[in-house]
Amino acid sequence: MGKFATYSFSAVSVSAAVDSFEIAAASAKPFILHEITLGQSSDYGDAAAEGLSVLIKRGIGNTSGSGGSTATAAKHATNDAAVGPTAETNNTTQAVAGGGSLTTIRAEAFNVQAGYQYLPTPEQRITFLPAESLVVSITAPADAITMSGSVVIEEL
């Protein structure tokens, strides 16, 4: 079993399409994606209900997005060494293939009132090898919403 860690952001105003998470594997340290959660805390009325697309992508040598924030991993076990992946949240300029590739692994949608959770069975967990990155993209909401989210990974 590897080292578990969570990357999170809280109460961020989102008004455009963003990469909610971009997590790049460390050299020689692949990771497994265990969970993604996305939610919002500002649009709960029926008139504010809308659906957003969520794409889970694998980047290989892609160009990272920009305009977001650096995220620090929260270790699940106090005695574990720090995990190696680097992470960004809420990049308003989204990642592009550039000189590499950016492949959509899952395409889903969610109602902003209900939130989103990706919690795969063990057989369906996605592994990201060194030099690969996880990119979680959402489409632009109709109006600004206040979002929070988390990604749980296991570094091998």
Protein backbone atom coordinates (compact mmCIF):
# COMPACT_ATOMS: atom_id res chain seq x y z
CA MET A 1 0.00 0.00 0.00
CA GLY A 2 1.25 3.46 -0.91
CA LYS A 3 1.03 6.85 0.75
CA PHE A 4 -2.39 8.51 0.69
CA ALA A 5 -2.90 12.26 0.38
CA THR A 6 -5.69 14.73 -0.38
CA TYR A 7 -5.48 17.91 -2.46
CA SER A 8 -8.27 20.41 -1.78
CA PHE A 9 -9.58 23.89 -2.45
CA SER A 10 -12.37 25.69 -0.63
CA ALA A 11 -14.81 28.54 -1.34
CA VAL A 12 -13.40 29.59 -4.73
CA SER A 13 -15.55 31.73 -7.03
CA VAL A 14 -15.80 30.00 -10.42
CA SER A 15 -17.34 31.86 -13.36
CA ALA A 16 -15.51 30.29 -16.33
CA ALA A 17 -14.46 26.86 -17.55
CA VAL A 18 -11.59 25.73 -15.31
CA ASP A 19 -9.26 22.86 -14.61
CA SER A 20 -10.42 22.22 -11.06
CA PHE A 21 -7.32 20.06 -10.52
CA GLU A 22 -4.06 19.42 -12.37
CA ILE A 23 -1.89 16.88 -10.53
CA ALA A 24 1.43 15.81 -12.04
CA ALA A 25 3.08 12.58 -10.91
CA ALA A 26 6.54 12.86 -9.41
CA SER A 27 9.55 11.28 -11.10
CA ALA A 28 9.52 7.48 -10.61
CA LYS A 29 6.40 7.72 -8.42
CA PRO A 30 3.10 6.79 -10.08
CA PHE A 31 -0.18 7.45 -8.27
CA ILE A 32 -3.65 5.98 -8.22
CA LEU A 33 -6.76 8.16 -8.28
CA HIS A 34 -9.13 7.13 -5.48
CA GLU A 35 -11.71 9.92 -5.31
CA ILE A 36 -12.78 13.28 -6.71
CA THR A 37 -15.42 15.50 -5.12
CA LEU A 38 -16.74 18.83 -6.37
CA GLY A 39 -19.48 20.93 -4.80
CA GLN A 40 -20.74 24.45 -4.55
CA SER A 41 -22.27 26.50 -1.77
CA SER A 42 -23.97 29.42 -3.50
CA ASP A 43 -26.70 28.18 -5.92
CA TYR A 44 -29.34 26.13 -4.12
CA GLY A 45 -32.56 27.60 -5.56
CA ASP A 46 -34.44 25.75 -8.33
CA ALA A 47 -33.95 28.68 -10.69
CA ALA A 48 -30.19 28.37 -10.18
CA ALA A 49 -30.05 24.64 -11.02
CA GLU A 50 -27.72 23.79 -13.88
CA GLY A 51 -25.61 20.92 -15.09
CA LEU A 52 -21.87 21.13 -15.63
CA SER A 53 -19.70 18.76 -17.62
CA VAL A 54 -16.77 17.10 -15.84
CA LEU A 55 -13.87 15.60 -17.79
CA ILE A 56 -11.20 13.41 -16.19
CA LYS A 57 -8.13 13.49 -18.44
CA ARG A 58 -4.66 11.97 -18.65
CA GLY A 59 -1.92 14.36 -19.73
CA ILE A 60 1.39 13.12 -21.14
CA GLY A 61 3.87 15.88 -21.89
CA ASN A 62 0.98 18.33 -22.10
CA THR A 63 1.10 22.05 -21.41
CA SER A 64 -0.25 22.83 -17.95
CA GLY A 65 -2.88 25.49 -17.47
CA SER A 66 -2.41 28.70 -15.52
CA GLY A 67 -4.27 31.30 -13.52
CA GLY A 68 -5.03 29.08 -10.55
CA SER A 69 -3.39 28.26 -7.23
CA THR A 70 -0.80 25.79 -6.03
CA ALA A 71 -2.25 23.06 -3.82
CA THR A 72 -0.42 21.36 -0.98
CA ALA A 73 -1.10 17.71 -0.23
CA ALA A 74 -2.54 16.77 3.14
CA LYS A 75 -1.01 13.42 4.17
CA HIS A 76 -3.42 10.83 5.56
CA ALA A 77 -0.79 9.29 7.88
CA THR A 78 1.18 11.68 10.06
CA ASN A 79 4.35 9.55 9.91
CA ASP A 80 4.43 9.30 6.10
CA ALA A 81 6.95 11.30 4.13
CA ALA A 82 5.49 14.00 1.89
CA VAL A 83 4.03 12.79 -1.41
CA GLY A 84 5.72 13.92 -4.61
CA PRO A 85 3.00 15.02 -7.07
CA THR A 86 2.68 18.73 -7.77
CA ALA A 87 -0.81 20.16 -7.97
CA GLU A 88 -2.68 23.23 -9.11
CA THR A 89 -6.33 24.10 -8.60
CA ASN A 90 -8.79 26.22 -10.55
CA ASN A 91 -6.64 27.09 -13.54
CA THR A 92 -8.69 29.51 -15.64
CA THR A 93 -6.43 28.89 -18.63
CA GLN A 94 -6.97 25.17 -19.11
CA ALA A 95 -4.33 22.56 -19.94
CA VAL A 96 -3.75 21.80 -23.63
CA ALA A 97 -2.02 18.93 -25.43
CA GLY A 98 0.81 21.20 -26.61
CA GLY A 99 3.71 18.96 -27.64
CA GLY A 100 2.18 16.00 -25.81
CA SER A 101 -1.29 14.57 -25.41
CA LEU A 102 -4.37 15.15 -23.31
CA THR A 103 -6.80 12.22 -23.39
CA THR A 104 -10.29 12.22 -21.86
CA ILE A 105 -10.72 9.07 -19.73
CA ARG A 106 -14.18 9.87 -18.33
CA ALA A 107 -16.84 12.38 -19.39
CA GLU A 108 -19.68 12.97 -16.97
CA ALA A 109 -22.07 15.71 -15.87
CA PHE A 110 -23.51 16.82 -12.56
CA ASN A 111 -26.21 19.10 -11.21
CA VAL A 112 -24.56 21.87 -9.19
CA GLN A 113 -27.17 21.48 -6.45
CA ALA A 114 -26.16 17.84 -5.88
CA GLY A 115 -22.38 18.06 -6.33
CA TYR A 116 -20.10 15.51 -7.97
CA GLN A 117 -18.28 12.46 -6.64
CA TYR A 118 -16.07 10.05 -8.55
CA LEU A 119 -15.48 7.04 -6.30
CA PRO A 120 -14.45 4.09 -8.47
CA THR A 121 -14.35 0.46 -7.46
CA PRO A 122 -10.79 -0.86 -7.01
CA GLU A 123 -10.86 -2.44 -10.48
CA GLN A 124 -11.73 0.90 -12.11
CA ARG A 125 -9.20 3.14 -10.37
CA ILE A 126 -7.02 5.07 -12.78
CA THR A 127 -3.22 4.92 -12.46
CA PHE A 128 -1.05 7.84 -13.53
CA LEU A 129 2.57 6.97 -14.32
CA PRO A 130 5.59 9.26 -13.89
CA ALA A 131 5.49 12.07 -16.50
CA GLU A 132 1.69 11.82 -16.59
CA SER A 133 -0.83 14.16 -15.03
CA LEU A 134 -4.43 14.07 -13.89
CA VAL A 135 -6.55 16.94 -15.20
CA VAL A 136 -10.12 17.46 -13.93
CA SER A 137 -11.96 20.03 -16.07
CA ILE A 138 -15.42 21.54 -15.70
CA THR A 139 -17.44 23.67 -18.10
CA ALA A 140 -18.35 27.27 -17.36
CA PRO A 141 -21.35 27.81 -15.07
CA ALA A 142 -24.13 30.17 -16.20
CA ASP A 143 -23.15 32.55 -13.40
CA ALA A 144 -20.43 32.59 -10.74
CA ILE A 145 -20.66 29.81 -8.15
CA THR A 146 -18.63 29.24 -5.00
CA MET A 147 -16.93 25.86 -5.34
CA SER A 148 -14.93 23.50 -3.15
CA GLY A 149 -13.34 20.20 -4.07
CA SER A 150 -10.93 17.42 -3.14
CA VAL A 151 -8.91 14.70 -4.86
CA VAL A 152 -7.59 11.65 -2.98
CA ILE A 153 -4.56 9.89 -4.44
CA GLU A 154 -2.32 7.02 -3.42
CA GLU A 155 1.33 7.45 -4.38
CA LEU A 156 3.01 4.13 -5.06
